[in-house]
Amino acid sequence: MKYYELDKEEQELLDAIEASDFKPVPNVKQEIARYVSYARADSKRTKNINIRLSERTLHKLKVKAAEKGLPYQTLVASLLHQYTNK
């Protein structure tokens, strides 16, 4: 018995799990390290900033973030973090 409704993405994931339709991720260690760095960057104490961007730039950021499955603020923070730690 199901107690909740799945959205389209959740249903696709459930179908893939049930069909054992997963494929290995190339460079899995690098991918894990990348997401660990995202988690570390997100979990640290944060400070709010204001920044002026053109609507076009903001729209592009939101599209890129959606492609990666991240909130756009998290993507911006991650990009800034990567840039400052080079």
PDB file of N, CA and C in Angstrom:
ATOM      1  N   MET A   1       0.842  -1.181   0.000  1.00  0.00           N
ATOM      2  CA  MET A   1       0.000   0.000   0.000  1.00  0.00           C
ATOM      3  C   MET A   1       0.886   1.244   0.000  1.00  0.00           C
ATOM      4  N   LYS A   2       0.590   2.194  -0.866  1.00  0.00           N
ATOM      5  CA  LYS A   2       1.377   3.405  -1.021  1.00  0.00           C
ATOM      6  C   LYS A   2       0.727   4.535  -0.231  1.00  0.00           C
ATOM      7  N   TYR A   3       1.530   5.225   0.588  1.00  0.00           N
ATOM      8  CA  TYR A   3       1.022   6.308   1.437  1.00  0.00           C
ATOM      9  C   TYR A   3       1.378   7.688   0.892  1.00  0.00           C
ATOM     10  N   TYR A   4       2.008   7.755  -0.271  1.00  0.00           N
ATOM     11  CA  TYR A   4       2.461   9.035  -0.789  1.00  0.00           C
ATOM     12  C   TYR A   4       2.438   8.998  -2.307  1.00  0.00           C
ATOM     13  N   GLU A   5       2.444  10.174  -2.904  1.00  0.00           N
ATOM     14  CA  GLU A   5       2.480  10.287  -4.359  1.00  0.00           C
ATOM     15  C   GLU A   5       3.911  10.606  -4.786  1.00  0.00           C
ATOM     16  N   LEU A   6       4.383   9.939  -5.810  1.00  0.00           N
ATOM     17  CA  LEU A   6       5.712  10.210  -6.342  1.00  0.00           C
ATOM     18  C   LEU A   6       5.611  11.201  -7.492  1.00  0.00           C
ATOM     19  N   ASP A   7       6.592  12.125  -7.542  1.00  0.00           N
ATOM     20  CA  ASP A   7       6.625  12.996  -8.716  1.00  0.00           C
ATOM     21  C   ASP A   7       7.288  12.230  -9.859  1.00  0.00           C
ATOM     22  N   LYS A   8       7.386  12.836 -11.012  1.00  0.00           N
ATOM     23  CA  LYS A   8       7.889  12.151 -12.210  1.00  0.00           C
ATOM     24  C   LYS A   8       9.318  11.637 -11.997  1.00  0.00           C
ATOM     25  N   GLU A   9      10.192  12.471 -11.453  1.00  0.00           N
ATOM     26  CA  GLU A   9      11.583  12.074 -11.239  1.00  0.00           C
ATOM     27  C   GLU A   9      11.682  10.926 -10.237  1.00  0.00           C
ATOM     28  N   GLU A  10      10.923  11.010  -9.153  1.00  0.00           N
ATOM     29  CA  GLU A  10      10.932   9.936  -8.159  1.00  0.00           C
ATOM     30  C   GLU A  10      10.437   8.621  -8.756  1.00  0.00           C
ATOM     31  N   GLN A  11       9.399   8.705  -9.584  1.00  0.00           N
ATOM     32  CA  GLN A  11       8.867   7.499 -10.211  1.00  0.00           C
ATOM     33  C   GLN A  11       9.886   6.890 -11.164  1.00  0.00           C
ATOM     34  N   GLU A  12      10.607   7.730 -11.919  1.00  0.00           N
ATOM     35  CA  GLU A  12      11.643   7.236 -12.817  1.00  0.00           C
ATOM     36  C   GLU A  12      12.752   6.533 -12.044  1.00  0.00           C
ATOM     37  N   LEU A  13      13.143   7.107 -10.906  1.00  0.00           N
ATOM     38  CA  LEU A  13      14.159   6.469 -10.071  1.00  0.00           C
ATOM     39  C   LEU A  13      13.674   5.122  -9.538  1.00  0.00           C
ATOM     40  N   LEU A  14      12.454   5.083  -9.065  1.00  0.00           N
ATOM     41  CA  LEU A  14      11.893   3.832  -8.548  1.00  0.00           C
ATOM     42  C   LEU A  14      11.827   2.779  -9.649  1.00  0.00           C
ATOM     43  N   ASP A  15      11.393   3.178 -10.831  1.00  0.00           N
ATOM     44  CA  ASP A  15      11.327   2.231 -11.955  1.00  0.00           C
ATOM     45  C   ASP A  15      12.716   1.710 -12.303  1.00  0.00           C
ATOM     46  N   ALA A  16      13.717   2.592 -12.292  1.00  0.00           N
ATOM     47  CA  ALA A  16      15.086   2.181 -12.604  1.00  0.00           C
ATOM     48  C   ALA A  16      15.621   1.214 -11.556  1.00  0.00           C
ATOM     49  N   ILE A  17      15.311   1.480 -10.291  1.00  0.00           N
ATOM     50  CA  ILE A  17      15.746   0.582  -9.213  1.00  0.00           C
ATOM     51  C   ILE A  17      15.101  -0.785  -9.383  1.00  0.00           C
ATOM     52  N   GLU A  18      13.816  -0.787  -9.626  1.00  0.00           N
ATOM     53  CA  GLU A  18      13.101  -2.056  -9.762  1.00  0.00           C
ATOM     54  C   GLU A  18      13.553  -2.834 -10.989  1.00  0.00           C
ATOM     55  N   ALA A  19      13.995  -2.141 -12.039  1.00  0.00           N
ATOM     56  CA  ALA A  19      14.448  -2.811 -13.262  1.00  0.00           C
ATOM     57  C   ALA A  19      15.954  -3.090 -13.227  1.00  0.00           C
ATOM     58  N   SER A  20      16.630  -2.708 -12.122  1.00  0.00           N
ATOM     59  CA  SER A  20      18.095  -2.831 -12.020  1.00  0.00           C
ATOM     60  C   SER A  20      18.759  -2.214 -13.245  1.00  0.00           C
ATOM     61  N   ASP A  21      18.341  -1.019 -13.592  1.00  0.00           N
ATOM     62  CA  ASP A  21      18.743  -0.363 -14.825  1.00  0.00           C
ATOM     63  C   ASP A  21      19.802   0.717 -14.604  1.00  0.00           C
ATOM     64  N   PHE A  22      20.593   0.584 -13.527  1.00  0.00           N
ATOM     65  CA  PHE A  22      21.607   1.584 -13.250  1.00  0.00           C
ATOM     66  C   PHE A  22      22.882   1.276 -14.010  1.00  0.00           C
ATOM     67  N   LYS A  23      23.599   2.320 -14.381  1.00  0.00           N
ATOM     68  CA  LYS A  23      24.868   2.187 -15.081  1.00  0.00           C
ATOM     69  C   LYS A  23      25.950   2.802 -14.204  1.00  0.00           C
ATOM     70  N   PRO A  24      27.164   2.246 -14.244  1.00  0.00           N
ATOM     71  CA  PRO A  24      28.239   2.818 -13.422  1.00  0.00           C
ATOM     72  C   PRO A  24      28.610   4.221 -13.885  1.00  0.00           C
ATOM     73  N   VAL A  25      29.029   5.010 -12.932  1.00  0.00           N
ATOM     74  CA  VAL A  25      29.446   6.383 -13.211  1.00  0.00           C
ATOM     75  C   VAL A  25      30.938   6.368 -13.543  1.00  0.00           C
ATOM     76  N   PRO A  26      31.321   6.938 -14.681  1.00  0.00           N
ATOM     77  CA  PRO A  26      32.758   7.010 -14.964  1.00  0.00           C
ATOM     78  C   PRO A  26      33.446   7.916 -13.942  1.00  0.00           C
ATOM     79  N   ASN A  27      34.652   7.580 -13.569  1.00  0.00           N
ATOM     80  CA  ASN A  27      35.428   8.369 -12.595  1.00  0.00           C
ATOM     81  C   ASN A  27      34.662   8.542 -11.287  1.00  0.00           C
ATOM     82  N   VAL A  28      34.167   7.441 -10.758  1.00  0.00           N
ATOM     83  CA  VAL A  28      33.307   7.504  -9.566  1.00  0.00           C
ATOM     84  C   VAL A  28      34.008   8.165  -8.378  1.00  0.00           C
ATOM     85  N   LYS A  29      35.309   7.920  -8.214  1.00  0.00           N
ATOM     86  CA  LYS A  29      36.021   8.530  -7.083  1.00  0.00           C
ATOM     87  C   LYS A  29      36.041  10.052  -7.202  1.00  0.00           C
ATOM     88  N   GLN A  30      36.240  10.553  -8.429  1.00  0.00           N
ATOM     89  CA  GLN A  30      36.232  12.004  -8.631  1.00  0.00           C
ATOM     90  C   GLN A  30      34.840  12.578  -8.381  1.00  0.00           C
ATOM     91  N   GLU A  31      33.819  11.867  -8.820  1.00  0.00           N
ATOM     92  CA  GLU A  31      32.445  12.335  -8.612  1.00  0.00           C
ATOM     93  C   GLU A  31      32.116  12.379  -7.121  1.00  0.00           C
ATOM     94  N   ILE A  32      32.518  11.359  -6.395  1.00  0.00           N
ATOM     95  CA  ILE A  32      32.271  11.342  -4.946  1.00  0.00           C
ATOM     96  C   ILE A  32      32.995  12.500  -4.286  1.00  0.00           C
ATOM     97  N   ALA A  33      34.252  12.712  -4.652  1.00  0.00           N
ATOM     98  CA  ALA A  33      35.023  13.820  -4.075  1.00  0.00           C
ATOM     99  C   ALA A  33      34.375  15.158  -4.382  1.00  0.00           C
ATOM    100  N   ARG A  34      33.842  15.290  -5.607  1.00  0.00           N
ATOM    101  CA  ARG A  34      33.186  16.546  -5.985  1.00  0.00           C
ATOM    102  C   ARG A  34      31.965  16.808  -5.105  1.00  0.00           C
ATOM    103  N   TYR A  35      31.142  15.786  -4.913  1.00  0.00           N
ATOM    104  CA  TYR A  35      29.942  15.982  -4.111  1.00  0.00           C
ATOM    105  C   TYR A  35      30.254  16.128  -2.628  1.00  0.00           C
ATOM    106  N   VAL A  36      31.329  15.505  -2.171  1.00  0.00           N
ATOM    107  CA  VAL A  36      31.768  15.720  -0.791  1.00  0.00           C
ATOM    108  C   VAL A  36      32.172  17.179  -0.612  1.00  0.00           C
ATOM    109  N   SER A  37      32.871  17.736  -1.611  1.00  0.00           N
ATOM    110  CA  SER A  37      33.264  19.148  -1.511  1.00  0.00           C
ATOM    111  C   SER A  37      32.037  20.059  -1.511  1.00  0.00           C
ATOM    112  N   TYR A  38      31.002  19.700  -2.294  1.00  0.00           N
ATOM    113  CA  TYR A  38      29.761  20.472  -2.263  1.00  0.00           C
ATOM    114  C   TYR A  38      29.146  20.436  -0.865  1.00  0.00           C
ATOM    115  N   ALA A  39      29.110  19.255  -0.281  1.00  0.00           N
ATOM    116  CA  ALA A  39      28.509  19.106   1.047  1.00  0.00           C
ATOM    117  C   ALA A  39      29.299  19.889   2.092  1.00  0.00           C
ATOM    118  N   ARG A  40      30.623  19.812   2.011  1.00  0.00           N
ATOM    119  CA  ARG A  40      31.449  20.555   2.968  1.00  0.00           C
ATOM    120  C   ARG A  40      31.248  22.059   2.812  1.00  0.00           C
ATOM    121  N   ALA A  41      31.214  22.518   1.577  1.00  0.00           N
ATOM    122  CA  ALA A  41      31.033  23.950   1.330  1.00  0.00           C
ATOM    123  C   ALA A  41      29.678  24.407   1.842  1.00  0.00           C
ATOM    124  N   ASP A  42      28.670  23.565   1.692  1.00  0.00           N
ATOM    125  CA  ASP A  42      27.319  23.926   2.100  1.00  0.00           C
ATOM    126  C   ASP A  42      27.131  23.855   3.605  1.00  0.00           C
ATOM    127  N   SER A  43      27.879  22.977   4.262  1.00  0.00           N
ATOM    128  CA  SER A  43      27.649  22.761   5.690  1.00  0.00           C
ATOM    129  C   SER A  43      28.392  23.749   6.585  1.00  0.00           C
ATOM    130  N   LYS A  44      29.336  24.501   6.010  1.00  0.00           N
ATOM    131  CA  LYS A  44      30.079  25.470   6.808  1.00  0.00           C
ATOM    132  C   LYS A  44      29.214  26.684   7.107  1.00  0.00           C
ATOM    133  N   ARG A  45      29.590  27.376   8.137  1.00  0.00           N
ATOM    134  CA  ARG A  45      28.875  28.600   8.498  1.00  0.00           C
ATOM    135  C   ARG A  45      28.885  29.566   7.323  1.00  0.00           C
ATOM    136  N   THR A  46      27.769  30.140   7.045  1.00  0.00           N
ATOM    137  CA  THR A  46      27.654  30.979   5.857  1.00  0.00           C
ATOM    138  C   THR A  46      27.365  32.429   6.229  1.00  0.00           C
ATOM    139  N   LYS A  47      27.619  33.290   5.292  1.00  0.00           N
ATOM    140  CA  LYS A  47      27.347  34.718   5.420  1.00  0.00           C
ATOM    141  C   LYS A  47      26.612  35.133   4.155  1.00  0.00           C
ATOM    142  N   ASN A  48      25.553  35.881   4.289  1.00  0.00           N
ATOM    143  CA  ASN A  48      24.806  36.350   3.125  1.00  0.00           C
ATOM    144  C   ASN A  48      25.538  37.496   2.448  1.00  0.00           C
ATOM    145  N   ILE A  49      25.451  37.518   1.110  1.00  0.00           N
ATOM    146  CA  ILE A  49      25.985  38.636   0.336  1.00  0.00           C
ATOM    147  C   ILE A  49      24.924  39.061  -0.672  1.00  0.00           C
ATOM    148  N   ASN A  50      25.045  40.273  -1.140  1.00  0.00           N
ATOM    149  CA  ASN A  50      24.194  40.764  -2.224  1.00  0.00           C
ATOM    150  C   ASN A  50      25.065  40.938  -3.449  1.00  0.00           C
ATOM    151  N   ILE A  51      24.546  40.556  -4.592  1.00  0.00           N
ATOM    152  CA  ILE A  51      25.291  40.682  -5.832  1.00  0.00           C
ATOM    153  C   ILE A  51      24.316  41.051  -6.943  1.00  0.00           C
ATOM    154  N   ARG A  52      24.719  41.950  -7.793  1.00  0.00           N
ATOM    155  CA  ARG A  52      23.877  42.350  -8.914  1.00  0.00           C
ATOM    156  C   ARG A  52      24.324  41.591 -10.154  1.00  0.00           C
ATOM    157  N   LEU A  53      23.378  40.902 -10.773  1.00  0.00           N
ATOM    158  CA  LEU A  53      23.617  40.153 -12.000  1.00  0.00           C
ATOM    159  C   LEU A  53      22.572  40.546 -13.023  1.00  0.00           C
ATOM    160  N   SER A  54      22.934  40.434 -14.279  1.00  0.00           N
ATOM    161  CA  SER A  54      21.931  40.677 -15.302  1.00  0.00           C
ATOM    162  C   SER A  54      20.912  39.536 -15.252  1.00  0.00           C
ATOM    163  N   GLU A  55      19.715  39.816 -15.722  1.00  0.00           N
ATOM    164  CA  GLU A  55      18.680  38.774 -15.751  1.00  0.00           C
ATOM    165  C   GLU A  55      19.130  37.593 -16.597  1.00  0.00           C
ATOM    166  N   ARG A  56      19.831  37.881 -17.677  1.00  0.00           N
ATOM    167  CA  ARG A  56      20.308  36.812 -18.554  1.00  0.00           C
ATOM    168  C   ARG A  56      21.292  35.897 -17.832  1.00  0.00           C
ATOM    169  N   THR A  57      22.235  36.493 -17.090  1.00  0.00           N
ATOM    170  CA  THR A  57      23.215  35.704 -16.342  1.00  0.00           C
ATOM    171  C   THR A  57      22.526  34.863 -15.278  1.00  0.00           C
ATOM    172  N   LEU A  58      21.597  35.471 -14.557  1.00  0.00           N
ATOM    173  CA  LEU A  58      20.872  34.739 -13.530  1.00  0.00           C
ATOM    174  C   LEU A  58      20.082  33.586 -14.139  1.00  0.00           C
ATOM    175  N   HIS A  59      19.447  33.831 -15.264  1.00  0.00           N
ATOM    176  CA  HIS A  59      18.690  32.774 -15.937  1.00  0.00           C
ATOM    177  C   HIS A  59      19.616  31.623 -16.337  1.00  0.00           C
ATOM    178  N   LYS A  60      20.783  31.950 -16.907  1.00  0.00           N
ATOM    179  CA  LYS A  60      21.736  30.913 -17.299  1.00  0.00           C
ATOM    180  C   LYS A  60      22.221  30.111 -16.091  1.00  0.00           C
ATOM    181  N   LEU A  61      22.461  30.806 -14.981  1.00  0.00           N
ATOM    182  CA  LEU A  61      22.861  30.101 -13.752  1.00  0.00           C
ATOM    183  C   LEU A  61      21.778  29.138 -13.298  1.00  0.00           C
ATOM    184  N   LYS A  62      20.539  29.583 -13.344  1.00  0.00           N
ATOM    185  CA  LYS A  62      19.433  28.724 -12.923  1.00  0.00           C
ATOM    186  C   LYS A  62      19.294  27.508 -13.833  1.00  0.00           C
ATOM    187  N   VAL A  63      19.510  27.696 -15.135  1.00  0.00           N
ATOM    188  CA  VAL A  63      19.435  26.570 -16.078  1.00  0.00           C
ATOM    189  C   VAL A  63      20.551  25.572 -15.791  1.00  0.00           C
ATOM    190  N   LYS A  64      21.784  26.070 -15.625  1.00  0.00           N
ATOM    191  CA  LYS A  64      22.914  25.183 -15.320  1.00  0.00           C
ATOM    192  C   LYS A  64      22.678  24.435 -14.014  1.00  0.00           C
ATOM    193  N   ALA A  65      22.166  25.125 -13.012  1.00  0.00           N
ATOM    194  CA  ALA A  65      21.901  24.494 -11.721  1.00  0.00           C
ATOM    195  C   ALA A  65      20.842  23.405 -11.872  1.00  0.00           C
ATOM    196  N   ALA A  66      19.810  23.679 -12.634  1.00  0.00           N
ATOM    197  CA  ALA A  66      18.762  22.678 -12.850  1.00  0.00           C
ATOM    198  C   ALA A  66      19.320  21.446 -13.553  1.00  0.00           C
ATOM    199  N   GLU A  67      20.228  21.660 -14.508  1.00  0.00           N
ATOM    200  CA  GLU A  67      20.856  20.534 -15.207  1.00  0.00           C
ATOM    201  C   GLU A  67      21.647  19.661 -14.250  1.00  0.00           C
ATOM    202  N   LYS A  68      22.235  20.283 -13.232  1.00  0.00           N
ATOM    203  CA  LYS A  68      23.030  19.548 -12.250  1.00  0.00           C
ATOM    204  C   LYS A  68      22.200  19.076 -11.062  1.00  0.00           C
ATOM    205  N   GLY A  69      20.943  19.487 -11.020  1.00  0.00           N
ATOM    206  CA  GLY A  69      20.082  19.076  -9.916  1.00  0.00           C
ATOM    207  C   GLY A  69      20.389  19.798  -8.618  1.00  0.00           C
ATOM    208  N   LEU A  70      20.834  21.027  -8.724  1.00  0.00           N
ATOM    209  CA  LEU A  70      21.200  21.816  -7.544  1.00  0.00           C
ATOM    210  C   LEU A  70      20.393  23.105  -7.506  1.00  0.00           C
ATOM    211  N   PRO A  71      20.176  23.647  -6.312  1.00  0.00           N
ATOM    212  CA  PRO A  71      19.638  25.009  -6.250  1.00  0.00           C
ATOM    213  C   PRO A  71      20.687  25.970  -6.831  1.00  0.00           C
ATOM    214  N   TYR A  72      20.239  27.039  -7.484  1.00  0.00           N
ATOM    215  CA  TYR A  72      21.205  27.914  -8.142  1.00  0.00           C
ATOM    216  C   TYR A  72      22.134  28.599  -7.146  1.00  0.00           C
ATOM    217  N   GLN A  73      21.645  28.890  -5.933  1.00  0.00           N
ATOM    218  CA  GLN A  73      22.507  29.516  -4.934  1.00  0.00           C
ATOM    219  C   GLN A  73      23.651  28.576  -4.553  1.00  0.00           C
ATOM    220  N   THR A  74      23.350  27.277  -4.473  1.00  0.00           N
ATOM    221  CA  THR A  74      24.373  26.287  -4.139  1.00  0.00           C
ATOM    222  C   THR A  74      25.405  26.209  -5.251  1.00  0.00           C
ATOM    223  N   LEU A  75      24.953  26.256  -6.502  1.00  0.00           N
ATOM    224  CA  LEU A  75      25.882  26.245  -7.626  1.00  0.00           C
ATOM    225  C   LEU A  75      26.792  27.469  -7.586  1.00  0.00           C
ATOM    226  N   VAL A  76      26.235  28.643  -7.356  1.00  0.00           N
ATOM    227  CA  VAL A  76      27.036  29.863  -7.291  1.00  0.00           C
ATOM    228  C   VAL A  76      28.055  29.765  -6.155  1.00  0.00           C
ATOM    229  N   ALA A  77      27.605  29.317  -4.991  1.00  0.00           N
ATOM    230  CA  ALA A  77      28.517  29.169  -3.851  1.00  0.00           C
ATOM    231  C   ALA A  77      29.625  28.168  -4.166  1.00  0.00           C
ATOM    232  N   SER A  78      29.273  27.076  -4.832  1.00  0.00           N
ATOM    233  CA  SER A  78      30.259  26.067  -5.190  1.00  0.00           C
ATOM    234  C   SER A  78      31.281  26.622  -6.185  1.00  0.00           C
ATOM    235  N   LEU A  79      30.808  27.354  -7.177  1.00  0.00           N
ATOM    236  CA  LEU A  79      31.723  27.951  -8.156  1.00  0.00           C
ATOM    237  C   LEU A  79      32.681  28.941  -7.486  1.00  0.00           C
ATOM    238  N   LEU A  80      32.153  29.767  -6.600  1.00  0.00           N
ATOM    239  CA  LEU A  80      32.994  30.721  -5.886  1.00  0.00           C
ATOM    240  C   LEU A  80      34.003  29.992  -4.996  1.00  0.00           C
ATOM    241  N   HIS A  81      33.539  28.944  -4.347  1.00  0.00           N
ATOM    242  CA  HIS A  81      34.423  28.144  -3.490  1.00  0.00           C
ATOM    243  C   HIS A  81      35.545  27.521  -4.322  1.00  0.00           C
ATOM    244  N   GLN A  82      35.199  26.936  -5.465  1.00  0.00           N
ATOM    245  CA  GLN A  82      36.220  26.327  -6.335  1.00  0.00           C
ATOM    246  C   GLN A  82      37.203  27.373  -6.825  1.00  0.00           C
ATOM    247  N   TYR A  83      36.710  28.535  -7.197  1.00  0.00           N
ATOM    248  CA  TYR A  83      37.584  29.596  -7.705  1.00  0.00           C
ATOM    249  C   TYR A  83      38.562  30.074  -6.642  1.00  0.00           C
ATOM    250  N   THR A  84      38.090  30.231  -5.418  1.00  0.00           N
ATOM    251  CA  THR A  84      38.954  30.752  -4.353  1.00  0.00           C
ATOM    252  C   THR A  84      39.915  29.719  -3.798  1.00  0.00           C
ATOM    253  N   ASN A  85      39.681  28.457  -4.086  1.00  0.00           N
ATOM    254  CA  ASN A  85      40.561  27.400  -3.570  1.00  0.00           C
ATOM    255  C   ASN A  85      41.488  26.815  -4.631  1.00  0.00           C
ATOM    256  N   LYS A  86      41.694  27.535  -5.712  1.00  0.00           N
ATOM    257  CA  LYS A  86      42.623  27.060  -6.758  1.00  0.00           C
ATOM    258  C   LYS A  86      44.029  27.437  -6.405  1.00  0.00           C
TER     259      LYS A  86
END
